[in-house]
Protein backbone atom coordinates (compact mmCIF):
# COMPACT_ATOMS: atom_id res chain seq x y z
CA MET A 1 0.00 0.00 0.00
CA LEU A 2 2.78 2.42 0.92
CA THR A 3 4.56 1.70 -2.38
CA GLU A 4 1.38 2.57 -4.27
CA TYR A 5 1.05 5.88 -2.39
CA ALA A 6 4.74 6.70 -2.88
CA THR A 7 4.40 6.06 -6.62
CA LEU A 8 1.33 8.27 -6.75
CA LEU A 9 3.11 11.06 -4.87
CA GLY A 10 6.08 10.73 -7.21
CA ASN A 11 3.79 10.96 -10.25
CA ILE A 12 1.96 14.10 -9.10
CA SER A 13 5.02 15.96 -7.86
CA GLU A 14 8.63 16.61 -8.70
CA LEU A 15 9.72 14.01 -6.12
CA SER A 16 11.24 10.65 -6.94
CA VAL A 17 9.43 7.55 -5.76
CA GLU A 18 12.30 6.89 -3.33
CA ASP A 19 11.99 10.39 -1.84
CA SER A 20 8.21 10.05 -1.73
CA SER A 21 8.49 6.80 0.20
CA GLY A 22 10.78 8.38 2.80
CA ILE A 23 8.52 11.39 3.17
CA LEU A 24 5.41 9.27 3.62
CA THR A 25 7.17 7.04 6.14
CA ALA A 26 8.37 10.05 8.13
CA GLY A 27 4.90 11.61 8.13
CA LEU A 28 3.16 8.40 9.13
CA LYS A 29 5.57 7.74 11.98
CA ALA A 30 5.62 11.32 13.26
CA PHE A 31 1.83 11.57 13.40
CA ASN A 32 1.23 7.96 14.53
CA MET A 33 -0.78 7.10 11.41
CA GLU A 34 -1.27 3.67 9.88
CA ALA A 35 0.00 2.99 6.34
CA GLU A 36 -3.53 3.10 4.88
CA HIS A 37 -3.68 6.78 5.91
CA GLY A 38 -0.74 7.58 3.65
CA ILE A 39 -3.19 8.65 0.96
CA HIS A 40 -4.30 11.44 3.30
CA ILE A 41 -0.76 12.83 3.30
CA VAL A 42 -0.57 12.56 -0.51
CA ASN A 43 -3.91 14.34 -0.91
CA ALA A 44 -3.03 17.09 1.57
CA LEU A 45 0.31 17.85 -0.08
CA ASN A 46 -1.20 17.79 -3.57
CA GLU A 47 -4.16 20.01 -2.63
CA VAL A 48 -1.93 22.71 -1.15
CA ASP A 49 0.47 22.52 -4.11
CA ASN A 50 -2.45 23.00 -6.50
CA ASN A 51 -3.89 26.01 -4.65
CA TYR A 52 -0.93 27.94 -3.23
CA SER A 53 2.45 29.13 -4.46
CA ILE A 54 4.44 26.38 -2.77
CA THR A 55 5.51 23.05 -4.21
CA THR A 56 4.92 19.56 -2.96
CA LYS A 57 8.69 19.18 -2.72
CA GLN A 58 8.98 22.21 -0.41
CA LEU A 59 6.09 20.96 1.72
CA ALA A 60 7.51 17.45 1.91
CA GLU A 61 11.04 18.57 2.81
CA SER A 62 9.66 20.85 5.50
CA MET A 63 7.41 18.11 6.85
CA GLN A 64 10.31 15.68 6.96
CA ARG A 65 12.41 18.13 9.03
CA SER A 66 9.71 19.41 11.37
CA ALA A 67 7.08 16.66 11.74
CA GLY A 68 8.67 15.12 14.83
CA THR A 69 8.78 18.45 16.64
CA ALA A 70 5.25 19.30 15.51
CA SER A 71 3.91 15.99 16.78
CA VAL A 72 5.57 16.44 20.18
CA TYR A 73 3.82 19.80 20.56
CA GLY A 74 0.45 18.50 19.40
CA ILE A 75 0.45 20.17 15.99
CA SER A 76 -1.56 18.21 13.45
CA LEU A 77 -0.38 17.33 9.96
CA GLU A 78 -2.82 19.82 8.46
CA ARG A 79 -1.72 22.65 10.73
CA LEU A 80 1.95 21.88 9.99
CA ILE A 81 1.24 22.06 6.27
CA GLY A 82 -0.56 25.36 6.87
CA TYR A 83 2.38 26.82 8.78
CA THR A 84 4.77 25.61 6.12
CA THR A 85 2.66 27.15 3.37
CA ALA A 86 2.45 30.50 5.14
CA VAL A 87 6.20 30.67 5.76
CA GLY A 88 7.10 29.30 2.33
CA GLN A 89 4.96 31.76 0.39
CA VAL A 90 6.56 34.72 2.17
CA THR A 91 10.19 33.59 2.33
CA ARG A 92 10.38 31.64 -0.96
CA GLU A 93 13.03 29.46 0.72
CA SER A 94 13.67 25.77 0.10
CA GLY A 95 11.65 23.18 1.99
CA SER A 96 14.56 22.28 4.27
CA VAL A 97 14.99 25.91 5.34
CA ILE A 98 11.23 26.27 5.85
CA GLY A 99 11.31 23.11 7.97
CA GLU A 100 13.98 24.66 10.18
CA ILE A 101 11.90 27.84 10.60
CA VAL A 102 8.66 25.96 11.32
CA ALA A 103 10.37 23.61 13.79
CA VAL A 104 11.53 26.58 15.87
């Protein structure tokens, strides 16, 4: 199931399937989600990419860097994506830099 979601994420974004798999795994673990909920992460990233001036790659890199911290402080996946989008649209930085900012 996770391979299918990683392939889908790779197809709808500029991420490789390998990167997509790592991102999904990190998100699932950080937010204590089961593998079947991986499609929720794919859909959330894709929806924001389609509607805001931030890429799935930026969102995914940020999520990978800051999801653990967000989870510890009770921040949901959706709220983390929202914070990342807000910071990313203003700063126009890479996803890894946005992740550092959001994690602080």
